[in-house]
Amino acid sequence: MADGVAEVPFWLVWSPQGTRPPRYEHYSEAAACNEAARLARENPGKKFFAIRPVARFEVPAAPMNIVRFTTDDDGVPF
């Protein structure tokens, strides 16, 4: 929230035994819990967590750096 704008809260469903990171953002706790329960039923023995991020950190991409070189321009392209 460094820029003063708060993010909309969301929840993720994550399994420590999973093969890929969570990507879907659930915009209610109930939706995330329902999805975690569904996945747990389909994957006996695996744990699923409904988790909510507390902060986001991001390093912005640097602006393009343009450097112009000086040449002895005699009109010859090489």
C-alpha atoms as a PDB file:
ATOM      1  CA  MET A   1       0.000   0.000   0.000  1.00  0.00           C
ATOM      2  CA  ALA A   2       2.974   2.276  -0.565  1.00  0.00           C
ATOM      3  CA  ASP A   3       1.042   4.231  -3.164  1.00  0.00           C
ATOM      4  CA  GLY A   4      -1.869   4.705  -0.768  1.00  0.00           C
ATOM      5  CA  VAL A   5      -4.257   2.410  -2.666  1.00  0.00           C
ATOM      6  CA  ALA A   6      -5.513  -0.653  -0.816  1.00  0.00           C
ATOM      7  CA  GLU A   7      -5.875  -3.904  -2.728  1.00  0.00           C
ATOM      8  CA  VAL A   8      -9.188  -5.767  -2.763  1.00  0.00           C
ATOM      9  CA  PRO A   9      -8.852  -8.670  -0.313  1.00  0.00           C
ATOM     10  CA  PHE A  10      -8.794 -12.156  -1.791  1.00  0.00           C
ATOM     11  CA  TRP A  11      -8.080 -15.739  -0.766  1.00  0.00           C
ATOM     12  CA  LEU A  12      -6.054 -18.476  -2.419  1.00  0.00           C
ATOM     13  CA  VAL A  13      -6.364 -22.233  -2.074  1.00  0.00           C
ATOM     14  CA  TRP A  14      -2.969 -23.858  -1.565  1.00  0.00           C
ATOM     15  CA  SER A  15      -1.720 -27.367  -0.949  1.00  0.00           C
ATOM     16  CA  PRO A  16       1.813 -28.057   0.323  1.00  0.00           C
ATOM     17  CA  GLN A  17       1.669 -31.312  -1.660  1.00  0.00           C
ATOM     18  CA  GLY A  18       0.579 -29.487  -4.813  1.00  0.00           C
ATOM     19  CA  THR A  19       2.496 -29.484  -8.064  1.00  0.00           C
ATOM     20  CA  ARG A  20       1.785 -25.892  -9.054  1.00  0.00           C
ATOM     21  CA  PRO A  21       1.263 -22.593  -7.269  1.00  0.00           C
ATOM     22  CA  PRO A  22      -2.263 -21.238  -6.714  1.00  0.00           C
ATOM     23  CA  ARG A  23      -3.440 -18.773  -9.351  1.00  0.00           C
ATOM     24  CA  TYR A  24      -7.169 -18.254  -8.841  1.00  0.00           C
ATOM     25  CA  GLU A  25      -8.216 -15.391  -6.575  1.00  0.00           C
ATOM     26  CA  HIS A  26     -11.383 -16.057  -4.562  1.00  0.00           C
ATOM     27  CA  TYR A  27     -13.062 -12.827  -3.487  1.00  0.00           C
ATOM     28  CA  SER A  28     -14.812 -14.325  -0.481  1.00  0.00           C
ATOM     29  CA  GLU A  29     -13.585 -16.518   2.333  1.00  0.00           C
ATOM     30  CA  ALA A  30     -16.550 -18.833   1.853  1.00  0.00           C
ATOM     31  CA  ALA A  31     -15.712 -19.416  -1.825  1.00  0.00           C
ATOM     32  CA  ALA A  32     -12.103 -20.273  -0.965  1.00  0.00           C
ATOM     33  CA  CYS A  33     -13.160 -22.634   1.833  1.00  0.00           C
ATOM     34  CA  ASN A  34     -15.679 -24.353  -0.454  1.00  0.00           C
ATOM     35  CA  GLU A  35     -12.974 -24.854  -3.089  1.00  0.00           C
ATOM     36  CA  ALA A  36     -10.489 -26.156  -0.506  1.00  0.00           C
ATOM     37  CA  ALA A  37     -13.096 -28.646   0.723  1.00  0.00           C
ATOM     38  CA  ARG A  38     -13.896 -29.743  -2.849  1.00  0.00           C
ATOM     39  CA  LEU A  39     -10.234 -30.299  -3.646  1.00  0.00           C
ATOM     40  CA  ALA A  40      -9.681 -32.180  -0.372  1.00  0.00           C
ATOM     41  CA  ARG A  41     -12.561 -34.539  -1.212  1.00  0.00           C
ATOM     42  CA  GLU A  42     -11.066 -35.161  -4.675  1.00  0.00           C
ATOM     43  CA  ASN A  43      -7.542 -35.670  -3.279  1.00  0.00           C
ATOM     44  CA  PRO A  44      -7.701 -37.810  -0.114  1.00  0.00           C
ATOM     45  CA  GLY A  45      -4.612 -37.489   2.068  1.00  0.00           C
ATOM     46  CA  LYS A  46      -3.673 -34.037   0.763  1.00  0.00           C
ATOM     47  CA  LYS A  47      -4.124 -30.861   2.802  1.00  0.00           C
ATOM     48  CA  PHE A  48      -5.678 -27.727   1.309  1.00  0.00           C
ATOM     49  CA  PHE A  49      -5.561 -24.299   2.915  1.00  0.00           C
ATOM     50  CA  ALA A  50      -7.676 -21.208   2.264  1.00  0.00           C
ATOM     51  CA  ILE A  51      -5.138 -18.430   2.751  1.00  0.00           C
ATOM     52  CA  ARG A  52      -5.315 -14.656   2.543  1.00  0.00           C
ATOM     53  CA  PRO A  53      -2.292 -12.529   1.624  1.00  0.00           C
ATOM     54  CA  VAL A  54      -1.407  -9.749   4.042  1.00  0.00           C
ATOM     55  CA  ALA A  55       0.850  -7.689   1.774  1.00  0.00           C
ATOM     56  CA  ARG A  56       2.211  -7.470  -1.764  1.00  0.00           C
ATOM     57  CA  PHE A  57       5.748  -6.553  -2.727  1.00  0.00           C
ATOM     58  CA  GLU A  58       6.853  -5.720  -6.224  1.00  0.00           C
ATOM     59  CA  VAL A  59       9.925  -4.125  -7.734  1.00  0.00           C
ATOM     60  CA  PRO A  60       8.792  -2.118 -10.750  1.00  0.00           C
ATOM     61  CA  ALA A  61      10.471  -2.785 -14.058  1.00  0.00           C
ATOM     62  CA  ALA A  62      13.151  -0.240 -14.832  1.00  0.00           C
ATOM     63  CA  PRO A  63      12.449   2.182 -17.652  1.00  0.00           C
ATOM     64  CA  MET A  64      14.213   1.529 -20.911  1.00  0.00           C
ATOM     65  CA  ASN A  65      17.728   2.886 -20.938  1.00  0.00           C
ATOM     66  CA  ILE A  66      18.623   4.441 -24.302  1.00  0.00           C
ATOM     67  CA  VAL A  67      22.227   5.303 -25.049  1.00  0.00           C
ATOM     68  CA  ARG A  68      23.112   7.105 -28.253  1.00  0.00           C
ATOM     69  CA  PHE A  69      26.622   6.780 -29.554  1.00  0.00           C
ATOM     70  CA  THR A  70      28.430   9.513 -31.397  1.00  0.00           C
ATOM     71  CA  THR A  71      29.951   8.574 -34.722  1.00  0.00           C
ATOM     72  CA  ASP A  72      32.030  10.146 -37.405  1.00  0.00           C
ATOM     73  CA  ASP A  73      29.228  10.250 -39.941  1.00  0.00           C
ATOM     74  CA  ASP A  74      30.832  10.366 -43.364  1.00  0.00           C
ATOM     75  CA  GLY A  75      27.707   9.033 -45.089  1.00  0.00           C
ATOM     76  CA  VAL A  76      29.057   5.486 -45.469  1.00  0.00           C
ATOM     77  CA  PRO A  77      26.646   3.040 -43.749  1.00  0.00           C
ATOM     78  CA  PHE A  78      29.450   0.700 -42.561  1.00  0.00           C
END
